[in-house]
């Protein structure tokens, strides 16, 4: 049986006792953990270790960490995903995390269907979804999630490969040189404006398409991330 995994956002000290928050404690109670049950704990920054349940109180569970703290290197393939659409973003977060994305940005563009950048409360909700995805799929690095204006994101882009998903392009991912870091940007349902596409190109983004089909914004991240990892990564 698979060992349950729990996120603990602090330094992991060997042989120490840690106190889980109410949410994590409730999760373990739902799956009916008992005293001395083995758990895997990770802090979202590469560190993880085995632990055992030492005490179960009404709302809180205490764990004792193992003497060995492990570290997993971040995947060599760094992928920053910018999406100019808020619809079904929960699903986008969950599935992108499972494919090992490094950072996820919600970008405000001319045709975005939201008037203001997401609130701190919404960002925290997305953080919780990403944590749940990491717990489920075994990742020890939690992706960063934030929001910003499209122009600001483009001007601060620093990855080796900068890719604009554009269904009108005749180029595909196969035309991209091998790289260890990618900035991928996906537009809203109506696509980016002509002015925005010109702005991308002036900032060294290359337009590519994923074939003849016009995919929904919520579907595109899974498709393009899978293709990037298949061509340049570890799939």
C-alpha atoms as a PDB file:
ATOM      1  CA  UNK A   1       0.000   0.000   0.000  1.00  0.00           C
ATOM      2  CA  UNK A   2       1.285   3.460  -0.898  1.00  0.00           C
ATOM      3  CA  UNK A   3       2.545   5.615   1.985  1.00  0.00           C
ATOM      4  CA  UNK A   4       0.477   8.817   2.424  1.00  0.00           C
ATOM      5  CA  UNK A   5       2.328  12.057   1.611  1.00  0.00           C
ATOM      6  CA  UNK A   6       1.890  15.328   3.498  1.00  0.00           C
ATOM      7  CA  UNK A   7       3.179  18.836   2.757  1.00  0.00           C
ATOM      8  CA  UNK A   8       4.928  20.634   5.632  1.00  0.00           C
ATOM      9  CA  UNK A   9       6.148  24.128   4.593  1.00  0.00           C
ATOM     10  CA  UNK A  10       9.043  24.414   7.043  1.00  0.00           C
ATOM     11  CA  UNK A  11      12.579  23.115   7.541  1.00  0.00           C
ATOM     12  CA  UNK A  12      12.703  19.354   8.139  1.00  0.00           C
ATOM     13  CA  UNK A  13      14.956  18.508  11.096  1.00  0.00           C
ATOM     14  CA  UNK A  14      16.095  14.889  11.701  1.00  0.00           C
ATOM     15  CA  UNK A  15      14.408  13.125  14.638  1.00  0.00           C
ATOM     16  CA  UNK A  16      12.223  16.152  15.373  1.00  0.00           C
ATOM     17  CA  UNK A  17       8.535  16.219  16.210  1.00  0.00           C
ATOM     18  CA  UNK A  18       6.314  18.341  13.977  1.00  0.00           C
ATOM     19  CA  UNK A  19       2.772  19.574  14.412  1.00  0.00           C
ATOM     20  CA  UNK A  20       0.590  19.418  11.307  1.00  0.00           C
ATOM     21  CA  UNK A  21      -1.964  22.107  10.593  1.00  0.00           C
ATOM     22  CA  UNK A  22      -5.679  21.381  10.804  1.00  0.00           C
ATOM     23  CA  UNK A  23      -6.055  20.807   7.058  1.00  0.00           C
ATOM     24  CA  UNK A  24      -3.235  18.239   6.848  1.00  0.00           C
ATOM     25  CA  UNK A  25      -4.402  16.580  10.057  1.00  0.00           C
ATOM     26  CA  UNK A  26      -7.939  16.280   8.694  1.00  0.00           C
ATOM     27  CA  UNK A  27      -6.601  14.725   5.503  1.00  0.00           C
ATOM     28  CA  UNK A  28      -4.811  12.009   7.469  1.00  0.00           C
ATOM     29  CA  UNK A  29      -7.871  11.421   9.640  1.00  0.00           C
ATOM     30  CA  UNK A  30     -10.051  10.976   6.556  1.00  0.00           C
ATOM     31  CA  UNK A  31      -7.794   8.147   5.377  1.00  0.00           C
ATOM     32  CA  UNK A  32      -7.938   6.718   8.909  1.00  0.00           C
ATOM     33  CA  UNK A  33      -4.278   6.863   9.939  1.00  0.00           C
ATOM     34  CA  UNK A  34      -3.360   5.371  13.304  1.00  0.00           C
ATOM     35  CA  UNK A  35      -0.542   5.782  15.816  1.00  0.00           C
ATOM     36  CA  UNK A  36       2.813   4.534  14.381  1.00  0.00           C
ATOM     37  CA  UNK A  37       1.513   4.787  10.816  1.00  0.00           C
ATOM     38  CA  UNK A  38       4.305   5.647   8.349  1.00  0.00           C
ATOM     39  CA  UNK A  39       3.963   8.948   6.466  1.00  0.00           C
ATOM     40  CA  UNK A  40       6.163  10.726   3.911  1.00  0.00           C
ATOM     41  CA  UNK A  41       6.661  14.449   4.544  1.00  0.00           C
ATOM     42  CA  UNK A  42       7.945  16.993   1.987  1.00  0.00           C
ATOM     43  CA  UNK A  43       8.441  20.752   2.208  1.00  0.00           C
ATOM     44  CA  UNK A  44       7.991  21.734  -1.455  1.00  0.00           C
ATOM     45  CA  UNK A  45      11.653  22.759  -1.813  1.00  0.00           C
ATOM     46  CA  UNK A  46      13.110  19.342  -2.576  1.00  0.00           C
ATOM     47  CA  UNK A  47      13.465  17.980   0.963  1.00  0.00           C
ATOM     48  CA  UNK A  48      11.491  14.939   2.090  1.00  0.00           C
ATOM     49  CA  UNK A  49      11.664  12.198   4.708  1.00  0.00           C
ATOM     50  CA  UNK A  50       9.780   9.359   6.324  1.00  0.00           C
ATOM     51  CA  UNK A  51       7.866   9.978   9.540  1.00  0.00           C
ATOM     52  CA  UNK A  52       5.576   8.139  11.936  1.00  0.00           C
ATOM     53  CA  UNK A  53       2.375   9.283  13.604  1.00  0.00           C
ATOM     54  CA  UNK A  54       3.170   9.896  17.282  1.00  0.00           C
ATOM     55  CA  UNK A  55       0.039  11.556  18.645  1.00  0.00           C
ATOM     56  CA  UNK A  56      -3.509  12.157  17.429  1.00  0.00           C
ATOM     57  CA  UNK A  57      -5.515  14.886  19.122  1.00  0.00           C
ATOM     58  CA  UNK A  58      -9.017  16.126  18.368  1.00  0.00           C
ATOM     59  CA  UNK A  59      -7.909  18.507  15.599  1.00  0.00           C
ATOM     60  CA  UNK A  60      -4.143  18.069  15.312  1.00  0.00           C
ATOM     61  CA  UNK A  61      -1.772  15.218  14.455  1.00  0.00           C
ATOM     62  CA  UNK A  62       1.883  15.114  15.529  1.00  0.00           C
ATOM     63  CA  UNK A  63       4.571  13.300  13.528  1.00  0.00           C
ATOM     64  CA  UNK A  64       8.110  12.246  14.395  1.00  0.00           C
ATOM     65  CA  UNK A  65      10.556  12.649  11.512  1.00  0.00           C
ATOM     66  CA  UNK A  66      13.097  10.016  10.550  1.00  0.00           C
ATOM     67  CA  UNK A  67      16.816  10.499  11.207  1.00  0.00           C
ATOM     68  CA  UNK A  68      17.501  10.813   7.461  1.00  0.00           C
ATOM     69  CA  UNK A  69      16.356  13.887   5.517  1.00  0.00           C
ATOM     70  CA  UNK A  70      16.470  13.298   1.758  1.00  0.00           C
ATOM     71  CA  UNK A  71      16.784  15.804  -1.073  1.00  0.00           C
ATOM     72  CA  UNK A  72      15.623  15.434  -4.670  1.00  0.00           C
ATOM     73  CA  UNK A  73      17.104  17.713  -7.319  1.00  0.00           C
ATOM     74  CA  UNK A  74      14.714  19.850  -9.282  1.00  0.00           C
ATOM     75  CA  UNK A  75      14.080  18.537 -12.770  1.00  0.00           C
ATOM     76  CA  UNK A  76      16.676  19.863 -15.219  1.00  0.00           C
ATOM     77  CA  UNK A  77      13.830  20.967 -17.485  1.00  0.00           C
ATOM     78  CA  UNK A  78      12.490  24.277 -16.146  1.00  0.00           C
ATOM     79  CA  UNK A  79       9.058  25.246 -17.508  1.00  0.00           C
ATOM     80  CA  UNK A  80       7.346  28.560 -16.746  1.00  0.00           C
ATOM     81  CA  UNK A  81       3.736  28.552 -17.912  1.00  0.00           C
ATOM     82  CA  UNK A  82       1.839  31.787 -18.540  1.00  0.00           C
ATOM     83  CA  UNK A  83      -1.922  31.535 -19.134  1.00  0.00           C
ATOM     84  CA  UNK A  84      -4.152  34.472 -20.016  1.00  0.00           C
ATOM     85  CA  UNK A  85      -7.412  32.867 -18.902  1.00  0.00           C
ATOM     86  CA  UNK A  86      -8.942  32.235 -15.499  1.00  0.00           C
ATOM     87  CA  UNK A  87     -11.713  29.829 -16.533  1.00  0.00           C
ATOM     88  CA  UNK A  88     -11.091  26.288 -15.230  1.00  0.00           C
ATOM     89  CA  UNK A  89      -7.795  27.434 -13.709  1.00  0.00           C
ATOM     90  CA  UNK A  90      -8.190  24.893 -10.893  1.00  0.00           C
ATOM     91  CA  UNK A  91      -7.941  22.101 -13.459  1.00  0.00           C
ATOM     92  CA  UNK A  92      -5.027  23.796 -15.221  1.00  0.00           C
ATOM     93  CA  UNK A  93      -3.117  24.066 -11.928  1.00  0.00           C
ATOM     94  CA  UNK A  94      -3.771  20.446 -10.957  1.00  0.00           C
ATOM     95  CA  UNK A  95      -2.775  18.899 -14.280  1.00  0.00           C
ATOM     96  CA  UNK A  96       0.194  21.201 -14.931  1.00  0.00           C
ATOM     97  CA  UNK A  97       1.628  20.356 -11.501  1.00  0.00           C
ATOM     98  CA  UNK A  98       1.456  16.662 -12.264  1.00  0.00           C
ATOM     99  CA  UNK A  99       3.534  17.294 -15.390  1.00  0.00           C
ATOM    100  CA  UNK A 100       6.269  19.010 -13.385  1.00  0.00           C
ATOM    101  CA  UNK A 101       5.778  22.667 -14.306  1.00  0.00           C
ATOM    102  CA  UNK A 102       8.135  25.037 -12.454  1.00  0.00           C
ATOM    103  CA  UNK A 103       6.059  28.225 -12.295  1.00  0.00           C
ATOM    104  CA  UNK A 104       2.486  29.093 -13.276  1.00  0.00           C
ATOM    105  CA  UNK A 105       1.394  32.650 -14.002  1.00  0.00           C
ATOM    106  CA  UNK A 106      -2.120  33.973 -14.519  1.00  0.00           C
ATOM    107  CA  UNK A 107      -1.630  36.774 -17.054  1.00  0.00           C
ATOM    108  CA  UNK A 108      -3.891  39.738 -17.714  1.00  0.00           C
ATOM    109  CA  UNK A 109      -4.191  40.432 -21.452  1.00  0.00           C
ATOM    110  CA  UNK A 110      -6.476  42.441 -23.747  1.00  0.00           C
ATOM    111  CA  UNK A 111      -8.986  39.606 -24.247  1.00  0.00           C
ATOM    112  CA  UNK A 112      -8.833  38.061 -20.786  1.00  0.00           C
ATOM    113  CA  UNK A 113     -12.313  37.532 -19.362  1.00  0.00           C
ATOM    114  CA  UNK A 114     -11.381  38.854 -15.926  1.00  0.00           C
ATOM    115  CA  UNK A 115     -11.272  42.568 -15.129  1.00  0.00           C
ATOM    116  CA  UNK A 116      -8.736  42.416 -12.306  1.00  0.00           C
ATOM    117  CA  UNK A 117      -5.817  40.182 -11.433  1.00  0.00           C
ATOM    118  CA  UNK A 118      -6.784  37.310  -9.098  1.00  0.00           C
ATOM    119  CA  UNK A 119      -7.000  38.151  -5.404  1.00  0.00           C
ATOM    120  CA  UNK A 120      -4.593  36.868  -2.771  1.00  0.00           C
ATOM    121  CA  UNK A 121      -7.382  34.570  -1.572  1.00  0.00           C
ATOM    122  CA  UNK A 122      -7.668  32.981  -5.010  1.00  0.00           C
ATOM    123  CA  UNK A 123      -3.882  32.580  -5.298  1.00  0.00           C
ATOM    124  CA  UNK A 124      -3.873  30.792  -1.921  1.00  0.00           C
ATOM    125  CA  UNK A 125      -6.627  28.486  -3.195  1.00  0.00           C
ATOM    126  CA  UNK A 126      -4.509  27.626  -6.229  1.00  0.00           C
ATOM    127  CA  UNK A 127      -1.521  27.035  -3.944  1.00  0.00           C
ATOM    128  CA  UNK A 128      -3.604  24.509  -1.992  1.00  0.00           C
ATOM    129  CA  UNK A 129      -4.566  22.741  -5.227  1.00  0.00           C
ATOM    130  CA  UNK A 130      -0.909  22.549  -6.294  1.00  0.00           C
ATOM    131  CA  UNK A 131       0.051  21.098  -2.903  1.00  0.00           C
ATOM    132  CA  UNK A 132      -2.636  18.436  -3.226  1.00  0.00           C
ATOM    133  CA  UNK A 133      -1.366  17.567  -6.720  1.00  0.00           C
ATOM    134  CA  UNK A 134       2.219  17.249  -5.425  1.00  0.00           C
ATOM    135  CA  UNK A 135       1.071  15.010  -2.574  1.00  0.00           C
ATOM    136  CA  UNK A 136      -0.718  12.786  -5.049  1.00  0.00           C
ATOM    137  CA  UNK A 137       1.909  12.474  -7.785  1.00  0.00           C
ATOM    138  CA  UNK A 138       5.082  12.319  -5.668  1.00  0.00           C
ATOM    139  CA  UNK A 139       6.678  15.656  -6.583  1.00  0.00           C
ATOM    140  CA  UNK A 140       8.890  17.221  -3.912  1.00  0.00           C
ATOM    141  CA  UNK A 141       9.119  20.647  -5.577  1.00  0.00           C
ATOM    142  CA  UNK A 142       5.986  22.779  -5.371  1.00  0.00           C
ATOM    143  CA  UNK A 143       5.504  25.130  -8.345  1.00  0.00           C
ATOM    144  CA  UNK A 144       5.322  28.869  -7.746  1.00  0.00           C
ATOM    145  CA  UNK A 145       1.956  30.445  -8.585  1.00  0.00           C
ATOM    146  CA  UNK A 146       1.383  34.150  -9.144  1.00  0.00           C
ATOM    147  CA  UNK A 147      -0.370  36.672 -11.377  1.00  0.00           C
ATOM    148  CA  UNK A 148       0.806  39.730 -13.281  1.00  0.00           C
ATOM    149  CA  UNK A 149       0.224  41.923 -16.283  1.00  0.00           C
ATOM    150  CA  UNK A 150       1.143  40.313 -19.605  1.00  0.00           C
ATOM    151  CA  UNK A 151       3.636  43.026 -20.613  1.00  0.00           C
ATOM    152  CA  UNK A 152       5.458  42.777 -17.287  1.00  0.00           C
ATOM    153  CA  UNK A 153       5.741  38.993 -17.588  1.00  0.00           C
ATOM    154  CA  UNK A 154       7.071  39.162 -21.152  1.00  0.00           C
ATOM    155  CA  UNK A 155       9.630  41.853 -20.338  1.00  0.00           C
ATOM    156  CA  UNK A 156      10.922  39.800 -17.392  1.00  0.00           C
ATOM    157  CA  UNK A 157      11.105  36.551 -19.349  1.00  0.00           C
ATOM    158  CA  UNK A 158      14.605  35.070 -19.080  1.00  0.00           C
ATOM    159  CA  UNK A 159      14.316  31.443 -20.227  1.00  0.00           C
ATOM    160  CA  UNK A 160      16.443  30.094 -23.057  1.00  0.00           C
ATOM    161  CA  UNK A 161      13.382  29.229 -25.159  1.00  0.00           C
ATOM    162  CA  UNK A 162      10.381  31.556 -25.349  1.00  0.00           C
ATOM    163  CA  UNK A 163       7.308  30.065 -26.971  1.00  0.00           C
ATOM    164  CA  UNK A 164       3.977  31.606 -27.920  1.00  0.00           C
ATOM    165  CA  UNK A 165       1.221  29.082 -28.637  1.00  0.00           C
ATOM    166  CA  UNK A 166      -0.308  30.434 -31.840  1.00  0.00           C
ATOM    167  CA  UNK A 167      -2.671  28.275 -33.956  1.00  0.00           C
ATOM    168  CA  UNK A 168      -1.886  30.424 -37.021  1.00  0.00           C
ATOM    169  CA  UNK A 169       1.801  29.512 -36.945  1.00  0.00           C
ATOM    170  CA  UNK A 170       3.198  26.970 -39.403  1.00  0.00           C
ATOM    171  CA  UNK A 171       6.064  26.054 -37.046  1.00  0.00           C
ATOM    172  CA  UNK A 172       5.876  23.270 -34.464  1.00  0.00           C
ATOM    173  CA  UNK A 173       7.834  22.392 -31.325  1.00  0.00           C
ATOM    174  CA  UNK A 174      10.188  20.313 -33.458  1.00  0.00           C
ATOM    175  CA  UNK A 175      11.588  23.582 -34.822  1.00  0.00           C
ATOM    176  CA  UNK A 176      12.683  24.635 -31.308  1.00  0.00           C
ATOM    177  CA  UNK A 177      16.295  23.977 -30.318  1.00  0.00           C
ATOM    178  CA  UNK A 178      16.914  21.752 -27.300  1.00  0.00           C
ATOM    179  CA  UNK A 179      16.858  23.785 -24.101  1.00  0.00           C
ATOM    180  CA  UNK A 180      16.742  23.393 -20.329  1.00  0.00           C
ATOM    181  CA  UNK A 181      14.338  26.267 -19.704  1.00  0.00           C
ATOM    182  CA  UNK A 182      11.112  27.345 -21.377  1.00  0.00           C
ATOM    183  CA  UNK A 183       8.650  30.191 -21.078  1.00  0.00           C
ATOM    184  CA  UNK A 184       5.367  28.996 -22.590  1.00  0.00           C
ATOM    185  CA  UNK A 185       2.472  31.407 -23.006  1.00  0.00           C
ATOM    186  CA  UNK A 186      -1.115  30.408 -23.802  1.00  0.00           C
ATOM    187  CA  UNK A 187      -3.783  32.932 -24.720  1.00  0.00           C
ATOM    188  CA  UNK A 188      -7.452  33.264 -23.725  1.00  0.00           C
ATOM    189  CA  UNK A 189     -10.261  31.601 -25.684  1.00  0.00           C
ATOM    190  CA  UNK A 190     -10.313  34.491 -28.172  1.00  0.00           C
ATOM    191  CA  UNK A 191      -6.553  34.402 -28.643  1.00  0.00           C
ATOM    192  CA  UNK A 192      -4.071  37.233 -28.238  1.00  0.00           C
ATOM    193  CA  UNK A 193      -4.580  40.499 -30.106  1.00  0.00           C
ATOM    194  CA  UNK A 194      -2.386  41.316 -33.111  1.00  0.00           C
ATOM    195  CA  UNK A 195      -0.652  44.009 -31.050  1.00  0.00           C
ATOM    196  CA  UNK A 196       0.176  41.476 -28.336  1.00  0.00           C
ATOM    197  CA  UNK A 197       1.527  38.961 -30.856  1.00  0.00           C
ATOM    198  CA  UNK A 198       3.802  41.661 -32.317  1.00  0.00           C
ATOM    199  CA  UNK A 199       4.922  42.524 -28.770  1.00  0.00           C
ATOM    200  CA  UNK A 200       5.777  38.865 -28.108  1.00  0.00           C
ATOM    201  CA  UNK A 201       7.810  38.629 -31.293  1.00  0.00           C
ATOM    202  CA  UNK A 202       9.725  41.819 -30.473  1.00  0.00           C
ATOM    203  CA  UNK A 203      10.679  40.164 -27.179  1.00  0.00           C
ATOM    204  CA  UNK A 204      12.031  37.030 -28.888  1.00  0.00           C
ATOM    205  CA  UNK A 205       9.018  34.759 -28.418  1.00  0.00           C
ATOM    206  CA  UNK A 206       8.612  32.269 -31.250  1.00  0.00           C
ATOM    207  CA  UNK A 207       5.125  31.352 -32.452  1.00  0.00           C
ATOM    208  CA  UNK A 208       4.429  27.636 -32.712  1.00  0.00           C
ATOM    209  CA  UNK A 209       1.282  25.562 -33.136  1.00  0.00           C
ATOM    210  CA  UNK A 210       0.355  22.113 -31.844  1.00  0.00           C
ATOM    211  CA  UNK A 211      -1.219  20.943 -35.081  1.00  0.00           C
ATOM    212  CA  UNK A 212      -4.438  21.587 -36.971  1.00  0.00           C
ATOM    213  CA  UNK A 213      -6.824  21.341 -34.018  1.00  0.00           C
ATOM    214  CA  UNK A 214      -7.952  24.448 -32.111  1.00  0.00           C
ATOM    215  CA  UNK A 215      -7.801  23.384 -28.464  1.00  0.00           C
ATOM    216  CA  UNK A 216      -9.423  24.974 -25.434  1.00  0.00           C
ATOM    217  CA  UNK A 217      -7.195  26.971 -23.105  1.00  0.00           C
ATOM    218  CA  UNK A 218      -7.764  24.421 -20.328  1.00  0.00           C
ATOM    219  CA  UNK A 219      -6.648  21.562 -22.618  1.00  0.00           C
ATOM    220  CA  UNK A 220      -3.617  23.237 -24.160  1.00  0.00           C
ATOM    221  CA  UNK A 221      -1.317  23.167 -21.068  1.00  0.00           C
ATOM    222  CA  UNK A 222      -1.511  19.368 -20.794  1.00  0.00           C
ATOM    223  CA  UNK A 223      -0.871  18.956 -24.522  1.00  0.00           C
ATOM    224  CA  UNK A 224       2.055  21.356 -24.823  1.00  0.00           C
ATOM    225  CA  UNK A 225       3.699  20.356 -21.519  1.00  0.00           C
ATOM    226  CA  UNK A 226       3.546  16.700 -22.538  1.00  0.00           C
ATOM    227  CA  UNK A 227       5.076  17.537 -25.916  1.00  0.00           C
ATOM    228  CA  UNK A 228       7.879  19.621 -24.378  1.00  0.00           C
ATOM    229  CA  UNK A 229       8.746  16.912 -21.863  1.00  0.00           C
ATOM    230  CA  UNK A 230       8.628  14.228 -24.562  1.00  0.00           C
ATOM    231  CA  UNK A 231      10.939  16.184 -26.870  1.00  0.00           C
ATOM    232  CA  UNK A 232      13.318  17.725 -24.343  1.00  0.00           C
ATOM    233  CA  UNK A 233      12.669  16.164 -20.943  1.00  0.00           C
ATOM    234  CA  UNK A 234      12.110  12.918 -19.098  1.00  0.00           C
ATOM    235  CA  UNK A 235       9.038  11.304 -20.656  1.00  0.00           C
END
